[in-house]
Amino acid sequence: MNPAALILILGVLTALCPFSIDMYLPAFPRIAASLGVPVARLSLSLSSFFIGLAIGQLFYGPLLDRFGRKKPLYAGLVLYIVATLGCLASRTVETLVALRFIQAVGGCAASVAAMAMVRDFFSAKESAKVFSLLVLILGASPLLAPTVGSYLSMVWGWPSIFILLAIIAGVMLCVTFAYLPEGYAPDHEHSLHPLQVLKSYVFVFLEPQFYTYAMAGAFAFAGLFVYLAASPMIFMEIFHLSPKAYGGVFTLIAAGFIGASQCNFLLLRRFSNAQIVWGGLAGFMLVSVIFLIGTLRHGFGLAPTIFIFFLTLASAGITNPNASALALAPFAKKAGTAAALIGFLQMSVGSLASIGVGLLKSSAILPIAVLFTGSAMLALLTLAFGHHAINRSLPVSPEAEALTSLH
């Protein structure tokens, strides 16, 4: 198969879940009004999606090794389509929350399988370039999806968003069936016994370098989840932006995360991974404290709030790939398990943070500033205390860094 076509297919698979998040955010007010709930309550549907992503990543890892890449991918895409069609027919927020969870469990098969297939089809040296290209494709989600979602919700109503998502997944199901090669022979000797799978994950987590950087990165990544859950309320309810204007602001702020992650290549020429992690978390903490103090004193206007969110996501964009690379560094044969566990921790911590946004049910920015500051503080404390438990420093291979670019 043509490498460019293969990379494009894998990139679209990887972007399915981000599209599922970013496309329906501008429709929050319309969905909330339709279901008769506050926008803050509706954010629980976003939290349930994050939880589904967290659980699904651990679930699909062993299946992809046991049955090959395509059969679990087919099953996941079918589950995603069924749940997505259920979302558009939801009449209560509780139903939507449950179906978004199922949608995420199905959809995350696409991203997990895509990452595994990159390693199947490309050498270690080529993988670094391929993962960088996938990051650029992923960048289309926050740049395009909010605008598309805003337009669909205004012209045809919010259910049309889920119709489009189901169509995209259906097309990808047909494309993968017809054109995507298997790339990996099923290994029927791979154990799916829960105890063996659990032991493997525990072994990885107990490595000091892993839990130090994986947890510090997860706490830093929580800022992104807080922003995703709170941004509809902040910009469309507090600052009274239209859904179209919110889509533009969302795109601008997302550029901070995408741009910072790409600048990481330049920073690594002068600084080590560990130095960049410390710098990124220090920046996250500084911005969060300024945000908290300013909110307590007099609050910020629209432009300063956008700038603060831009810097917060930029800090996460710098910190995340380096923290993930350092967490993966001690592992060779269990790199896949470690990568899945990193994704699980990021989604779990992020889900808890986003649930805080929904449960606070606040129409003010102060709770968001508190969550930002708390996440930054936990990240720095984890890094400071965990640093002493690391007995050895391992160099990060280019392959390990490439694997982290999707997390």
Protein backbone atom coordinates (compact mmCIF):
# COMPACT_ATOMS: atom_id res chain seq x y z
CA MET A 1 0.00 0.00 0.00
CA ASN A 2 1.17 3.53 -0.76
CA PRO A 3 2.87 4.89 2.43
CA ALA A 4 1.16 8.29 2.08
CA ALA A 5 -2.28 6.68 1.85
CA LEU A 6 -1.46 4.41 4.78
CA ILE A 7 -0.39 7.36 6.95
CA LEU A 8 -3.54 9.27 6.01
CA ILE A 9 -5.77 6.35 7.01
CA LEU A 10 -3.95 5.90 10.32
CA GLY A 11 -4.11 9.64 10.94
CA VAL A 12 -7.87 9.77 10.44
CA LEU A 13 -8.31 6.77 12.74
CA THR A 14 -6.24 8.53 15.38
CA ALA A 15 -8.31 11.71 15.03
CA LEU A 16 -11.72 10.02 15.43
CA CYS A 17 -11.97 10.47 19.20
CA PRO A 18 -10.60 14.04 19.21
CA PHE A 19 -13.20 14.92 16.57
CA SER A 20 -15.84 13.34 18.80
CA ILE A 21 -14.83 15.73 21.57
CA ASP A 22 -14.18 18.96 19.70
CA MET A 23 -17.10 18.85 17.28
CA TYR A 24 -19.88 18.87 19.87
CA LEU A 25 -18.43 21.44 22.27
CA PRO A 26 -19.92 24.48 20.44
CA ALA A 27 -23.35 22.82 20.62
CA PHE A 28 -23.30 22.59 24.44
CA PRO A 29 -25.89 25.38 25.00
CA ARG A 30 -28.28 23.91 22.42
CA ILE A 31 -27.91 20.37 23.74
CA ALA A 32 -28.35 21.55 27.34
CA ALA A 33 -31.47 23.52 26.42
CA SER A 34 -32.88 20.56 24.51
CA LEU A 35 -32.34 18.23 27.47
CA GLY A 36 -33.43 20.82 30.03
CA VAL A 37 -30.20 20.89 32.06
CA PRO A 38 -27.51 23.51 32.82
CA VAL A 39 -24.44 23.56 30.59
CA ALA A 40 -22.26 22.64 33.59
CA ARG A 41 -24.34 19.46 34.07
CA LEU A 42 -23.91 18.55 30.41
CA SER A 43 -20.13 18.60 30.87
CA LEU A 44 -20.53 15.23 32.61
CA SER A 45 -21.06 13.75 29.13
CA LEU A 46 -17.55 14.94 28.31
CA SER A 47 -16.21 13.41 31.52
CA SER A 48 -17.86 10.07 30.75
CA PHE A 49 -16.22 10.13 27.32
CA PHE A 50 -12.81 10.62 28.94
CA ILE A 51 -13.47 7.73 31.31
CA GLY A 52 -14.43 5.52 28.37
CA LEU A 53 -11.18 6.43 26.62
CA ALA A 54 -9.19 5.59 29.75
CA ILE A 55 -10.76 2.17 30.22
CA GLY A 56 -10.81 1.32 26.53
CA GLN A 57 -7.09 1.82 26.07
CA LEU A 58 -6.32 -0.87 28.64
CA PHE A 59 -9.00 -3.12 27.19
CA TYR A 60 -7.84 -3.09 23.57
CA GLY A 61 -4.11 -3.56 24.16
CA PRO A 62 -4.26 -7.32 24.88
CA LEU A 63 -6.96 -7.86 22.22
CA LEU A 64 -4.80 -6.31 19.49
CA ASP A 65 -1.93 -8.63 20.41
CA ARG A 66 -4.13 -11.71 20.60
CA PHE A 67 -6.41 -11.30 17.56
CA GLY A 68 -4.39 -9.02 15.29
CA ARG A 69 -5.10 -5.36 14.56
CA LYS A 70 -8.13 -5.35 12.29
CA LYS A 71 -10.72 -7.54 14.07
CA PRO A 72 -10.67 -5.52 17.33
CA LEU A 73 -10.68 -2.36 15.19
CA TYR A 74 -13.80 -3.51 13.35
CA ALA A 75 -15.55 -4.32 16.62
CA GLY A 76 -14.62 -0.95 18.11
CA LEU A 77 -15.82 1.03 15.09
CA VAL A 78 -19.15 -0.83 15.00
CA LEU A 79 -19.65 -0.16 18.72
CA TYR A 80 -18.79 3.49 18.14
CA ILE A 81 -21.34 3.84 15.33
CA VAL A 82 -24.14 2.22 17.34
CA ALA A 83 -23.45 4.41 20.39
CA THR A 84 -23.17 7.55 18.24
CA LEU A 85 -26.57 6.94 16.66
CA GLY A 86 -27.93 6.43 20.16
CA CYS A 87 -26.51 9.82 21.22
CA LEU A 88 -28.51 11.73 18.62
CA ALA A 89 -31.71 10.11 19.93
CA SER A 90 -30.98 10.90 23.60
CA ARG A 91 -33.77 12.58 25.51
CA THR A 92 -32.13 12.80 28.94
CA VAL A 93 -28.68 13.90 30.04
CA GLU A 94 -28.21 10.59 31.86
CA THR A 95 -28.74 8.67 28.62
CA LEU A 96 -26.30 10.91 26.77
CA VAL A 97 -23.67 10.49 29.50
CA ALA A 98 -23.96 6.69 29.32
CA LEU A 99 -23.88 6.57 25.51
CA ARG A 100 -20.88 8.90 25.33
CA PHE A 101 -19.03 6.44 27.58
CA ILE A 102 -19.86 3.56 25.21
CA GLN A 103 -18.96 5.73 22.21
CA ALA A 104 -15.51 6.37 23.68
CA VAL A 105 -14.91 2.70 24.47
CA GLY A 106 -15.61 1.86 20.84
CA GLY A 107 -13.78 4.84 19.35
CA CYS A 108 -10.52 4.42 21.22
CA ALA A 109 -9.93 1.17 19.31
CA ALA A 110 -9.10 3.37 16.32
CA SER A 111 -6.32 5.31 18.04
CA VAL A 112 -4.82 2.29 19.84
CA ALA A 113 -4.83 0.20 16.66
CA ALA A 114 -3.35 3.06 14.63
CA MET A 115 -0.42 3.39 17.03
CA ALA A 116 0.24 -0.34 16.92
CA MET A 117 0.06 -0.36 13.11
CA VAL A 118 2.68 2.36 12.83
CA ARG A 119 5.07 0.06 14.63
CA ASP A 120 3.97 -2.85 12.40
CA PHE A 121 4.49 -1.11 9.06
CA PHE A 122 7.46 1.20 9.70
CA SER A 123 10.96 0.81 11.09
CA ALA A 124 11.97 2.53 14.31
CA LYS A 125 13.67 5.35 12.40
CA GLU A 126 10.70 5.83 10.08
CA SER A 127 8.21 5.68 12.96
CA ALA A 128 9.48 8.95 14.40
CA LYS A 129 8.62 10.75 11.16
CA VAL A 130 5.26 8.98 10.86
CA PHE A 131 4.17 9.88 14.39
CA SER A 132 5.09 13.50 13.72
CA LEU A 133 2.82 13.44 10.66
CA LEU A 134 0.01 11.92 12.72
CA VAL A 135 0.33 14.78 15.20
CA LEU A 136 -0.23 17.23 12.36
CA ILE A 137 -3.34 15.32 11.29
CA LEU A 138 -4.52 15.33 14.90
CA GLY A 139 -4.10 19.09 14.86
CA ALA A 140 -6.93 19.31 12.34
CA SER A 141 -9.40 18.29 15.05
CA PRO A 142 -9.26 21.39 17.28
CA LEU A 143 -8.77 23.58 14.19
CA LEU A 144 -11.71 22.28 12.13
CA ALA A 145 -14.08 20.31 14.34
CA PRO A 146 -15.45 23.22 16.46
CA THR A 147 -16.25 25.24 13.34
CA VAL A 148 -17.98 22.27 11.70
CA GLY A 149 -19.89 21.48 14.89
CA SER A 150 -20.99 25.09 15.31
CA TYR A 151 -22.27 25.24 11.73
CA LEU A 152 -24.12 21.92 11.94
CA SER A 153 -25.81 22.78 15.25
CA MET A 154 -27.02 26.15 13.96
CA VAL A 155 -28.25 24.93 10.56
CA TRP A 156 -29.53 21.40 11.18
CA GLY A 157 -29.56 21.09 14.97
CA TRP A 158 -27.19 19.35 17.35
CA PRO A 159 -28.20 15.75 16.42
CA SER A 160 -26.63 16.35 12.99
CA ILE A 161 -23.21 16.41 14.70
CA PHE A 162 -23.59 12.80 15.77
CA ILE A 163 -24.93 11.83 12.34
CA LEU A 164 -21.74 13.18 10.76
CA LEU A 165 -19.55 11.38 13.32
CA ALA A 166 -21.36 8.10 12.59
CA ILE A 167 -20.84 8.65 8.84
CA ILE A 168 -17.12 9.31 9.36
CA ALA A 169 -16.75 6.13 11.42
CA GLY A 170 -18.72 4.17 8.82
CA VAL A 171 -16.47 5.39 6.02
CA MET A 172 -13.37 4.49 8.05
CA LEU A 173 -14.80 1.03 8.70
CA CYS A 174 -15.22 0.46 4.96
CA VAL A 175 -11.79 1.91 4.14
CA THR A 176 -9.96 -0.20 6.73
CA PHE A 177 -11.79 -3.33 5.58
CA ALA A 178 -11.04 -2.74 1.90
CA TYR A 179 -7.59 -1.16 1.89
CA LEU A 180 -5.77 -1.40 5.22
CA PRO A 181 -3.43 -4.41 5.45
CA GLU A 182 -3.34 -6.47 8.64
CA GLY A 183 0.35 -5.93 9.36
CA TYR A 184 0.43 -8.19 12.41
CA ALA A 185 -0.36 -11.89 12.65
CA PRO A 186 -2.61 -12.86 15.57
CA ASP A 187 -0.71 -14.37 18.49
CA HIS A 188 -3.02 -16.94 20.06
CA GLU A 189 -0.41 -17.67 22.73
CA HIS A 190 -0.80 -14.15 24.10
CA SER A 191 -2.57 -14.50 27.42
CA LEU A 192 -5.80 -12.63 28.02
CA HIS A 193 -6.08 -13.89 31.56
CA PRO A 194 -6.95 -10.85 33.69
CA LEU A 195 -4.36 -11.70 36.29
CA GLN A 196 -1.51 -11.86 33.76
CA VAL A 197 -2.60 -8.60 32.14
CA LEU A 198 -2.84 -6.95 35.56
CA LYS A 199 0.61 -8.19 36.59
CA SER A 200 2.11 -6.66 33.46
CA TYR A 201 0.56 -3.28 34.18
CA VAL A 202 1.61 -3.38 37.85
CA PHE A 203 5.19 -4.22 36.86
CA VAL A 204 5.32 -1.17 34.63
CA PHE A 205 3.74 1.21 37.11
CA LEU A 206 6.06 0.26 39.97
CA GLU A 207 9.12 1.45 38.06
CA PRO A 208 10.00 4.77 39.81
CA GLN A 209 10.89 6.59 36.62
CA PHE A 210 7.59 5.54 35.09
CA TYR A 211 5.25 6.58 37.88
CA THR A 212 7.13 9.83 38.49
CA TYR A 213 6.92 11.16 34.96
CA ALA A 214 3.67 9.44 33.98
CA MET A 215 1.80 10.89 36.97
CA ALA A 216 3.43 14.32 36.72
CA GLY A 217 2.50 14.42 33.04
CA ALA A 218 -1.04 13.24 33.80
CA PHE A 219 -1.58 16.02 36.35
CA ALA A 220 -0.27 18.55 33.86
CA PHE A 221 -2.52 17.10 31.14
CA ALA A 222 -5.49 17.53 33.51
CA GLY A 223 -5.36 21.25 32.75
CA LEU A 224 -6.34 20.46 29.16
CA PHE A 225 -9.33 18.41 30.34
CA VAL A 226 -10.46 21.16 32.71
CA TYR A 227 -10.31 23.63 29.83
CA LEU A 228 -12.28 21.32 27.50
CA ALA A 229 -15.02 20.80 30.07
CA ALA A 230 -15.24 24.44 31.18
CA SER A 231 -14.67 26.38 27.97
CA PRO A 232 -18.28 26.22 26.66
CA MET A 233 -19.58 27.63 29.94
CA ILE A 234 -16.86 30.29 30.24
CA PHE A 235 -16.97 31.66 26.72
CA MET A 236 -20.61 31.17 25.75
CA GLU A 237 -22.31 31.81 29.12
CA ILE A 238 -19.97 34.13 31.01
CA PHE A 239 -18.54 36.08 28.06
CA HIS A 240 -21.65 35.54 25.87
CA LEU A 241 -19.82 34.50 22.71
CA SER A 242 -21.82 32.99 19.89
CA PRO A 243 -21.13 29.35 19.00
CA LYS A 244 -19.31 30.53 15.88
CA ALA A 245 -17.11 32.94 17.86
CA TYR A 246 -16.46 30.23 20.44
CA GLY A 247 -15.24 27.94 17.65
CA GLY A 248 -12.75 30.61 16.59
CA VAL A 249 -11.50 31.12 20.15
CA PHE A 250 -11.23 27.37 20.65
CA THR A 251 -9.11 27.10 17.51
CA LEU A 252 -6.82 29.92 18.65
CA ILE A 253 -6.25 28.40 22.08
CA ALA A 254 -5.72 24.93 20.62
CA ALA A 255 -2.91 26.40 18.53
CA GLY A 256 -1.02 26.90 21.79
CA PHE A 257 -1.02 23.17 22.51
CA ILE A 258 -0.23 22.12 18.95
CA GLY A 259 2.44 24.78 18.42
CA ALA A 260 4.19 24.05 21.72
CA SER A 261 4.31 20.32 20.99
CA GLN A 262 5.95 21.02 17.63
CA CYS A 263 8.43 23.47 19.23
CA ASN A 264 9.56 20.59 21.40
CA PHE A 265 11.84 19.43 18.59
CA LEU A 266 13.72 22.74 18.80
CA LEU A 267 13.92 22.73 22.59
CA LEU A 268 15.44 19.25 22.63
CA ARG A 269 18.46 20.59 20.76
CA ARG A 270 19.46 22.60 23.82
CA PHE A 271 17.74 20.99 26.80
CA SER A 272 17.19 17.48 28.11
CA ASN A 273 13.74 15.91 28.43
CA ALA A 274 13.84 16.30 32.20
CA GLN A 275 14.76 20.00 32.00
CA ILE A 276 11.87 20.66 29.64
CA VAL A 277 9.45 18.86 31.97
CA TRP A 278 10.57 21.01 34.91
CA GLY A 279 10.30 24.16 32.80
CA GLY A 280 6.87 23.26 31.42
CA LEU A 281 5.45 22.48 34.86
CA ALA A 282 6.97 25.64 36.35
CA GLY A 283 5.31 27.65 33.58
CA PHE A 284 1.99 25.88 34.22
CA MET A 285 2.23 26.69 37.92
CA LEU A 286 3.12 30.34 37.33
CA VAL A 287 0.26 30.93 34.89
CA SER A 288 -2.20 29.12 37.16
CA VAL A 289 -1.25 31.17 40.22
CA ILE A 290 -1.57 34.42 38.24
CA PHE A 291 -4.97 33.25 37.00
CA LEU A 292 -6.10 32.38 40.54
CA ILE A 293 -4.88 35.61 42.14
CA GLY A 294 -6.33 37.74 39.37
CA THR A 295 -9.67 35.97 39.58
CA LEU A 296 -9.80 36.43 43.36
CA ARG A 297 -9.02 40.13 43.13
CA HIS A 298 -10.97 41.50 40.18
CA GLY A 299 -11.28 38.87 37.47
CA PHE A 300 -10.05 38.97 33.90
CA GLY A 301 -11.66 40.15 30.70
CA LEU A 302 -12.10 38.09 27.58
CA ALA A 303 -8.68 38.74 25.98
CA PRO A 304 -6.60 38.03 29.13
CA THR A 305 -8.63 34.86 29.78
CA ILE A 306 -7.94 33.63 26.24
CA PHE A 307 -4.24 34.40 26.69
CA ILE A 308 -4.10 32.53 30.00
CA PHE A 309 -5.74 29.46 28.50
CA PHE A 310 -3.36 29.69 25.54
CA LEU A 311 -0.33 29.64 27.88
CA THR A 312 -1.81 26.84 29.98
CA LEU A 313 -2.30 24.56 26.99
CA ALA A 314 1.13 25.52 25.65
CA SER A 315 2.65 24.36 28.95
CA ALA A 316 0.86 21.02 28.59
CA GLY A 317 2.02 20.77 24.98
CA ILE A 318 5.65 21.15 26.04
CA THR A 319 5.45 18.96 29.14
CA ASN A 320 3.46 16.00 27.88
CA PRO A 321 5.71 14.48 25.16
CA ASN A 322 8.83 14.75 27.32
CA ALA A 323 7.20 13.34 30.45
CA SER A 324 5.83 10.45 28.40
CA ALA A 325 9.22 9.82 26.79
CA LEU A 326 10.93 9.64 30.18
CA ALA A 327 8.20 7.34 31.51
CA LEU A 328 8.71 4.98 28.55
CA ALA A 329 12.51 5.05 28.67
CA PRO A 330 13.08 2.16 31.13
CA PHE A 331 11.11 -0.28 28.97
CA ALA A 332 12.01 -2.12 25.80
CA LYS A 333 9.79 -5.19 25.48
CA LYS A 334 6.92 -3.65 27.45
CA ALA A 335 6.84 -0.30 25.66
CA GLY A 336 3.32 -0.99 24.36
CA THR A 337 2.03 -1.77 27.83
CA ALA A 338 3.72 1.32 29.21
CA ALA A 339 2.24 3.50 26.45
CA ALA A 340 -1.26 2.16 27.13
CA LEU A 341 -0.84 2.78 30.84
CA ILE A 342 0.32 6.35 30.23
CA GLY A 343 -2.82 6.98 28.19
CA PHE A 344 -4.97 5.42 30.91
CA LEU A 345 -3.44 7.58 33.62
CA GLN A 346 -3.83 10.74 31.56
CA MET A 347 -7.46 10.02 30.79
CA SER A 348 -8.26 8.95 34.37
CA VAL A 349 -6.72 11.99 36.03
CA GLY A 350 -8.16 14.26 33.36
CA SER A 351 -11.61 12.72 33.78
CA LEU A 352 -11.57 13.34 37.51
CA ALA A 353 -10.58 16.96 36.91
CA SER A 354 -13.31 17.46 34.30
CA ILE A 355 -15.87 15.85 36.62
CA GLY A 356 -14.94 18.55 39.12
CA VAL A 357 -16.07 21.15 36.58
CA GLY A 358 -19.47 19.48 36.22
CA LEU A 359 -20.03 18.83 39.91
CA LEU A 360 -19.14 22.37 40.98
CA LYS A 361 -22.07 23.64 38.89
CA SER A 362 -20.62 27.09 39.05
CA SER A 363 -21.21 29.99 36.66
CA ALA A 364 -17.96 31.66 37.79
CA ILE A 365 -14.37 31.26 36.65
CA LEU A 366 -12.91 30.87 40.17
CA PRO A 367 -13.44 27.06 40.42
CA ILE A 368 -11.62 26.66 37.10
CA ALA A 369 -8.67 28.71 38.38
CA VAL A 370 -8.58 26.55 41.52
CA LEU A 371 -8.57 23.33 39.47
CA PHE A 372 -5.75 24.67 37.29
CA THR A 373 -3.64 25.62 40.33
CA GLY A 374 -4.33 22.31 42.06
CA SER A 375 -3.33 20.32 38.97
CA ALA A 376 -0.11 22.29 38.57
CA MET A 377 0.77 21.89 42.26
CA LEU A 378 0.17 18.12 42.20
CA ALA A 379 2.30 17.79 39.05
CA LEU A 380 5.25 19.63 40.58
CA LEU A 381 4.98 17.78 43.91
CA THR A 382 4.88 14.43 42.11
CA LEU A 383 7.94 15.34 40.11
CA ALA A 384 9.83 16.65 43.16
CA PHE A 385 9.15 13.66 45.39
CA GLY A 386 9.43 11.04 42.66
CA HIS A 387 12.76 12.39 41.49
CA HIS A 388 14.41 11.04 44.62
CA ALA A 389 13.07 7.53 43.93
CA ILE A 390 14.70 7.32 40.52
CA ASN A 391 17.95 5.44 41.01
CA ARG A 392 19.19 5.67 37.48
CA SER A 393 18.80 7.97 34.51
CA LEU A 394 18.20 6.31 31.15
CA PRO A 395 18.59 7.99 27.78
CA VAL A 396 15.39 8.32 25.80
CA SER A 397 15.55 6.61 22.44
CA PRO A 398 14.11 8.31 19.35
CA GLU A 399 11.61 5.44 19.07
CA ALA A 400 10.36 6.05 22.60
CA GLU A 401 9.94 9.74 21.91
CA ALA A 402 8.06 8.97 18.72
CA LEU A 403 5.65 6.72 20.56
CA THR A 404 4.77 9.50 22.99
CA SER A 405 3.79 12.01 20.35
CA LEU A 406 0.23 10.69 20.26
CA HIS A 407 -0.38 10.98 23.99
